[in-house]
Amino acid sequence: MYIPISIPSPSPKPLDLKCQRLYFLEYQTAAEDVLTIRLVYLDVCALCRPFDDQSFIRIRLESEAVKLILQRVRDKRLRLLLSPVHYHEIRAFSDVIERTELLGIVTHLGDQIKTDHHAARNRAEDLVRSGFGIADAAHVAYAEAGGADFITCDDKLLKKSSKSDISIWSGDPLQFCSKENLK
């Protein structure tokens, strides 16, 4: 997308054509970077993966994928969307260290989804009627409302998602990293 802009000159004489092109290219690159930031929604299952028993290869690989995704969020190359469900689930954890770490992650890295909560609740109720668990339905409904890719480590939830009429991409952390070519 090319947006023509006029650059005010600090001096009375206008900028030469070469300078105007440089400003134009810098503005264009910044605008394209803003437009290409992907929205991601990691459910609590995915966010907890690095705290799980790492002796299993699948868990270790998914943990590394979650860490990679969160690093891209820190680098502002991805945007992590959150819902009230995240806070509700995390606050219920009995492990104080894991709860504190996760609250720190979501507080510092995530952005609350700005959506009609009534509409998200209605969508979650539809998903519950179609066989989703309550928390899973709420996560999917908020991810849909935010237009974010939905990432979970829950195989049963992914299977239900693939058979349902959700309007967003869903997959596990490894699938997301592969899809987005994250390394």
C-alpha atoms as a PDB file:
ATOM      1  CA  MET A   1       0.000   0.000   0.000  1.00  0.00           C
ATOM      2  CA  TYR A   2       1.453   3.321  -1.042  1.00  0.00           C
ATOM      3  CA  ILE A   3       0.245   6.400   0.740  1.00  0.00           C
ATOM      4  CA  PRO A   4       1.471   9.697  -0.699  1.00  0.00           C
ATOM      5  CA  ILE A   5       2.583  12.076   1.988  1.00  0.00           C
ATOM      6  CA  SER A   6       3.959  15.570   1.985  1.00  0.00           C
ATOM      7  CA  ILE A   7       6.904  16.161   4.270  1.00  0.00           C
ATOM      8  CA  PRO A   8       7.133  19.537   5.956  1.00  0.00           C
ATOM      9  CA  SER A   9      10.527  21.083   5.496  1.00  0.00           C
ATOM     10  CA  PRO A  10      12.370  22.496   8.509  1.00  0.00           C
ATOM     11  CA  SER A  11      13.841  25.179   6.242  1.00  0.00           C
ATOM     12  CA  PRO A  12      11.994  27.563   3.941  1.00  0.00           C
ATOM     13  CA  LYS A  13      13.096  25.660   0.843  1.00  0.00           C
ATOM     14  CA  PRO A  14      11.409  22.303   0.071  1.00  0.00           C
ATOM     15  CA  LEU A  15      13.185  18.972   0.449  1.00  0.00           C
ATOM     16  CA  ASP A  16      14.815  17.697  -2.682  1.00  0.00           C
ATOM     17  CA  LEU A  17      13.223  14.801  -4.516  1.00  0.00           C
ATOM     18  CA  LYS A  18      15.735  12.265  -3.164  1.00  0.00           C
ATOM     19  CA  CYS A  19      14.882  13.135   0.466  1.00  0.00           C
ATOM     20  CA  GLN A  20      11.160  12.987  -0.249  1.00  0.00           C
ATOM     21  CA  ARG A  21      11.584   9.474  -1.678  1.00  0.00           C
ATOM     22  CA  LEU A  22      13.524   8.362   1.414  1.00  0.00           C
ATOM     23  CA  TYR A  23      10.807   9.656   3.736  1.00  0.00           C
ATOM     24  CA  PHE A  24       8.191   8.003   1.540  1.00  0.00           C
ATOM     25  CA  LEU A  25       9.967   4.633   1.669  1.00  0.00           C
ATOM     26  CA  GLU A  26      10.463   4.835   5.455  1.00  0.00           C
ATOM     27  CA  TYR A  27       6.782   5.661   5.946  1.00  0.00           C
ATOM     28  CA  GLN A  28       5.709   2.895   3.574  1.00  0.00           C
ATOM     29  CA  THR A  29       7.844   0.297   5.415  1.00  0.00           C
ATOM     30  CA  ALA A  30       6.489   1.351   8.808  1.00  0.00           C
ATOM     31  CA  ALA A  31       2.897   1.186   7.522  1.00  0.00           C
ATOM     32  CA  GLU A  32       3.458  -2.293   6.055  1.00  0.00           C
ATOM     33  CA  ASP A  33       4.968  -3.500   9.355  1.00  0.00           C
ATOM     34  CA  VAL A  34       1.872  -2.321  11.215  1.00  0.00           C
ATOM     35  CA  LEU A  35      -0.415  -4.052   8.749  1.00  0.00           C
ATOM     36  CA  THR A  36       1.379  -7.389   8.949  1.00  0.00           C
ATOM     37  CA  ILE A  37       1.297  -7.919  12.735  1.00  0.00           C
ATOM     38  CA  ARG A  38      -0.613 -11.147  13.299  1.00  0.00           C
ATOM     39  CA  LEU A  39      -3.013 -11.510  16.159  1.00  0.00           C
ATOM     40  CA  VAL A  40      -2.614 -14.619  18.283  1.00  0.00           C
ATOM     41  CA  TYR A  41      -4.706 -16.018  21.100  1.00  0.00           C
ATOM     42  CA  LEU A  42      -2.964 -18.649  23.214  1.00  0.00           C
ATOM     43  CA  ASP A  43      -5.314 -20.373  25.617  1.00  0.00           C
ATOM     44  CA  VAL A  44      -4.123 -21.072  29.157  1.00  0.00           C
ATOM     45  CA  CYS A  45      -3.221 -24.657  28.228  1.00  0.00           C
ATOM     46  CA  ALA A  46      -0.697 -23.325  25.700  1.00  0.00           C
ATOM     47  CA  LEU A  47       0.613 -20.617  28.020  1.00  0.00           C
ATOM     48  CA  CYS A  48       1.210 -23.287  30.698  1.00  0.00           C
ATOM     49  CA  ARG A  49       3.154 -25.611  28.406  1.00  0.00           C
ATOM     50  CA  PRO A  50       6.608 -24.402  29.545  1.00  0.00           C
ATOM     51  CA  PHE A  51       5.622 -25.320  33.141  1.00  0.00           C
ATOM     52  CA  ASP A  52       4.690 -28.908  32.231  1.00  0.00           C
ATOM     53  CA  ASP A  53       6.921 -31.992  32.626  1.00  0.00           C
ATOM     54  CA  GLN A  54       9.628 -31.471  29.993  1.00  0.00           C
ATOM     55  CA  SER A  55      10.734 -35.125  29.948  1.00  0.00           C
ATOM     56  CA  PHE A  56       8.300 -35.789  27.083  1.00  0.00           C
ATOM     57  CA  ILE A  57       9.570 -34.703  23.670  1.00  0.00           C
ATOM     58  CA  ARG A  58       6.198 -33.378  22.482  1.00  0.00           C
ATOM     59  CA  ILE A  59       5.843 -31.171  25.560  1.00  0.00           C
ATOM     60  CA  ARG A  60       9.406 -29.925  25.205  1.00  0.00           C
ATOM     61  CA  LEU A  61       8.871 -29.051  21.529  1.00  0.00           C
ATOM     62  CA  GLU A  62       5.553 -27.307  22.225  1.00  0.00           C
ATOM     63  CA  SER A  63       7.194 -25.427  25.106  1.00  0.00           C
ATOM     64  CA  GLU A  64       9.903 -24.133  22.800  1.00  0.00           C
ATOM     65  CA  ALA A  65       7.260 -23.140  20.251  1.00  0.00           C
ATOM     66  CA  VAL A  66       5.308 -21.210  22.918  1.00  0.00           C
ATOM     67  CA  LYS A  67       8.516 -19.457  24.003  1.00  0.00           C
ATOM     68  CA  LEU A  68       9.224 -18.547  20.372  1.00  0.00           C
ATOM     69  CA  ILE A  69       5.716 -17.149  19.925  1.00  0.00           C
ATOM     70  CA  LEU A  70       6.023 -15.113  23.135  1.00  0.00           C
ATOM     71  CA  GLN A  71       9.406 -13.792  21.990  1.00  0.00           C
ATOM     72  CA  ARG A  72       7.771 -12.584  18.758  1.00  0.00           C
ATOM     73  CA  VAL A  73       5.140 -10.879  20.926  1.00  0.00           C
ATOM     74  CA  ARG A  74       7.924  -9.170  22.928  1.00  0.00           C
ATOM     75  CA  ASP A  75       9.536  -8.096  19.644  1.00  0.00           C
ATOM     76  CA  LYS A  76       6.172  -6.626  18.517  1.00  0.00           C
ATOM     77  CA  ARG A  77       6.033  -8.993  15.533  1.00  0.00           C
ATOM     78  CA  LEU A  78       2.933 -10.724  16.932  1.00  0.00           C
ATOM     79  CA  ARG A  79       0.182  -9.353  19.149  1.00  0.00           C
ATOM     80  CA  LEU A  80      -1.145 -11.520  21.978  1.00  0.00           C
ATOM     81  CA  LEU A  81      -4.861 -11.060  22.623  1.00  0.00           C
ATOM     82  CA  LEU A  82      -6.369 -11.874  26.003  1.00  0.00           C
ATOM     83  CA  SER A  83      -9.845 -12.329  27.395  1.00  0.00           C
ATOM     84  CA  PRO A  84     -11.292 -12.292  30.911  1.00  0.00           C
ATOM     85  CA  VAL A  85     -11.165 -16.106  30.739  1.00  0.00           C
ATOM     86  CA  HIS A  86      -7.355 -16.024  30.945  1.00  0.00           C
ATOM     87  CA  TYR A  87      -7.392 -14.153  34.249  1.00  0.00           C
ATOM     88  CA  HIS A  88     -10.187 -16.278  35.676  1.00  0.00           C
ATOM     89  CA  GLU A  89      -8.380 -19.545  34.897  1.00  0.00           C
ATOM     90  CA  ILE A  90      -4.932 -18.362  35.969  1.00  0.00           C
ATOM     91  CA  ARG A  91      -6.150 -16.953  39.297  1.00  0.00           C
ATOM     92  CA  ALA A  92      -7.562 -20.403  40.131  1.00  0.00           C
ATOM     93  CA  PHE A  93      -4.103 -22.054  39.987  1.00  0.00           C
ATOM     94  CA  SER A  94      -2.948 -23.474  43.299  1.00  0.00           C
ATOM     95  CA  ASP A  95       0.753 -23.308  42.329  1.00  0.00           C
ATOM     96  CA  VAL A  96       1.749 -19.790  43.425  1.00  0.00           C
ATOM     97  CA  ILE A  97       4.906 -19.661  41.279  1.00  0.00           C
ATOM     98  CA  GLU A  98       3.146 -20.734  38.070  1.00  0.00           C
ATOM     99  CA  ARG A  99       0.214 -18.385  38.774  1.00  0.00           C
ATOM    100  CA  THR A 100       2.565 -15.437  39.400  1.00  0.00           C
ATOM    101  CA  GLU A 101       4.643 -16.161  36.287  1.00  0.00           C
ATOM    102  CA  LEU A 102       1.575 -16.490  34.053  1.00  0.00           C
ATOM    103  CA  LEU A 103      -0.060 -13.345  35.438  1.00  0.00           C
ATOM    104  CA  GLY A 104       3.201 -11.529  34.704  1.00  0.00           C
ATOM    105  CA  ILE A 105       3.236 -12.820  31.124  1.00  0.00           C
ATOM    106  CA  VAL A 106      -0.351 -11.883  30.355  1.00  0.00           C
ATOM    107  CA  THR A 107      -0.098  -8.533  32.142  1.00  0.00           C
ATOM    108  CA  HIS A 108       3.072  -7.425  30.370  1.00  0.00           C
ATOM    109  CA  LEU A 109       2.660  -9.003  26.953  1.00  0.00           C
ATOM    110  CA  GLY A 110      -1.050  -9.304  26.284  1.00  0.00           C
ATOM    111  CA  ASP A 111      -3.734  -6.896  25.136  1.00  0.00           C
ATOM    112  CA  GLN A 112      -7.339  -7.262  26.220  1.00  0.00           C
ATOM    113  CA  ILE A 113      -9.693  -7.989  23.341  1.00  0.00           C
ATOM    114  CA  LYS A 114     -11.954  -5.029  22.787  1.00  0.00           C
ATOM    115  CA  THR A 115     -15.235  -6.649  21.878  1.00  0.00           C
ATOM    116  CA  ASP A 116     -18.871  -6.903  22.771  1.00  0.00           C
ATOM    117  CA  HIS A 117     -18.714  -9.305  25.717  1.00  0.00           C
ATOM    118  CA  HIS A 118     -22.409 -10.108  25.351  1.00  0.00           C
ATOM    119  CA  ALA A 119     -21.851 -11.261  21.764  1.00  0.00           C
ATOM    120  CA  ALA A 120     -18.815 -13.321  22.832  1.00  0.00           C
ATOM    121  CA  ARG A 121     -20.884 -14.926  25.568  1.00  0.00           C
ATOM    122  CA  ASN A 122     -23.651 -15.791  23.084  1.00  0.00           C
ATOM    123  CA  ARG A 123     -21.091 -17.327  20.737  1.00  0.00           C
ATOM    124  CA  ALA A 124     -19.585 -19.308  23.633  1.00  0.00           C
ATOM    125  CA  GLU A 125     -23.039 -20.616  24.533  1.00  0.00           C
ATOM    126  CA  ASP A 126     -23.508 -21.762  20.919  1.00  0.00           C
ATOM    127  CA  LEU A 127     -20.165 -23.583  21.088  1.00  0.00           C
ATOM    128  CA  VAL A 128     -21.104 -25.238  24.410  1.00  0.00           C
ATOM    129  CA  ARG A 129     -24.326 -26.493  22.814  1.00  0.00           C
ATOM    130  CA  SER A 130     -22.224 -28.004  20.020  1.00  0.00           C
ATOM    131  CA  GLY A 131     -20.046 -29.956  22.466  1.00  0.00           C
ATOM    132  CA  PHE A 132     -17.277 -27.604  23.630  1.00  0.00           C
ATOM    133  CA  GLY A 133     -16.422 -27.286  27.315  1.00  0.00           C
ATOM    134  CA  ILE A 134     -17.356 -23.993  28.939  1.00  0.00           C
ATOM    135  CA  ALA A 135     -13.845 -22.526  29.248  1.00  0.00           C
ATOM    136  CA  ASP A 136     -12.813 -23.855  25.818  1.00  0.00           C
ATOM    137  CA  ALA A 137     -15.916 -22.326  24.236  1.00  0.00           C
ATOM    138  CA  ALA A 138     -15.192 -18.982  25.883  1.00  0.00           C
ATOM    139  CA  HIS A 139     -11.584 -19.002  24.659  1.00  0.00           C
ATOM    140  CA  VAL A 140     -12.634 -19.825  21.084  1.00  0.00           C
ATOM    141  CA  ALA A 141     -15.433 -17.225  21.145  1.00  0.00           C
ATOM    142  CA  TYR A 142     -13.060 -14.466  22.271  1.00  0.00           C
ATOM    143  CA  ALA A 143     -10.393 -15.509  19.763  1.00  0.00           C
ATOM    144  CA  GLU A 144     -13.020 -15.312  17.019  1.00  0.00           C
ATOM    145  CA  ALA A 145     -14.205 -11.925  18.267  1.00  0.00           C
ATOM    146  CA  GLY A 146     -10.617 -10.660  18.098  1.00  0.00           C
ATOM    147  CA  GLY A 147      -9.927 -12.241  14.705  1.00  0.00           C
ATOM    148  CA  ALA A 148      -6.862 -13.991  16.126  1.00  0.00           C
ATOM    149  CA  ASP A 149      -5.256 -17.322  15.335  1.00  0.00           C
ATOM    150  CA  PHE A 150      -6.241 -19.702  18.144  1.00  0.00           C
ATOM    151  CA  ILE A 151      -3.379 -21.705  19.658  1.00  0.00           C
ATOM    152  CA  THR A 152      -3.848 -24.537  22.155  1.00  0.00           C
ATOM    153  CA  CYS A 153      -2.103 -27.743  23.207  1.00  0.00           C
ATOM    154  CA  ASP A 154      -5.412 -29.491  23.909  1.00  0.00           C
ATOM    155  CA  ASP A 155      -5.861 -32.222  21.279  1.00  0.00           C
ATOM    156  CA  LYS A 156      -9.555 -32.729  22.053  1.00  0.00           C
ATOM    157  CA  LEU A 157     -10.234 -29.007  21.681  1.00  0.00           C
ATOM    158  CA  LEU A 158      -8.353 -28.918  18.378  1.00  0.00           C
ATOM    159  CA  LYS A 159     -10.365 -31.875  17.106  1.00  0.00           C
ATOM    160  CA  LYS A 160     -13.644 -30.156  18.054  1.00  0.00           C
ATOM    161  CA  SER A 161     -12.436 -26.918  16.485  1.00  0.00           C
ATOM    162  CA  SER A 162     -11.589 -28.640  13.216  1.00  0.00           C
ATOM    163  CA  LYS A 163     -15.083 -30.156  13.034  1.00  0.00           C
ATOM    164  CA  SER A 164     -16.940 -26.986  13.999  1.00  0.00           C
ATOM    165  CA  ASP A 165     -17.800 -23.823  12.131  1.00  0.00           C
ATOM    166  CA  ILE A 166     -15.282 -21.525  13.811  1.00  0.00           C
ATOM    167  CA  SER A 167     -14.159 -18.676  11.586  1.00  0.00           C
ATOM    168  CA  ILE A 168     -10.480 -18.554  12.585  1.00  0.00           C
ATOM    169  CA  TRP A 169      -7.391 -20.716  12.216  1.00  0.00           C
ATOM    170  CA  SER A 170      -6.759 -23.096  15.129  1.00  0.00           C
ATOM    171  CA  GLY A 171      -3.805 -25.314  15.847  1.00  0.00           C
ATOM    172  CA  ASP A 172      -1.057 -26.186  18.287  1.00  0.00           C
ATOM    173  CA  PRO A 173       2.059 -24.060  18.876  1.00  0.00           C
ATOM    174  CA  LEU A 174       4.209 -26.168  16.531  1.00  0.00           C
ATOM    175  CA  GLN A 175       1.663 -25.900  13.725  1.00  0.00           C
ATOM    176  CA  PHE A 176       1.516 -22.133  14.195  1.00  0.00           C
ATOM    177  CA  CYS A 177       5.310 -21.785  14.103  1.00  0.00           C
ATOM    178  CA  SER A 178       5.421 -23.910  10.971  1.00  0.00           C
ATOM    179  CA  LYS A 179       2.601 -21.958   9.317  1.00  0.00           C
ATOM    180  CA  GLU A 180       4.234 -18.611  10.094  1.00  0.00           C
ATOM    181  CA  ASN A 181       7.769 -19.898   9.399  1.00  0.00           C
ATOM    182  CA  LEU A 182       8.975 -18.845  12.860  1.00  0.00           C
ATOM    183  CA  LYS A 183      12.508 -19.928  13.656  1.00  0.00           C
END
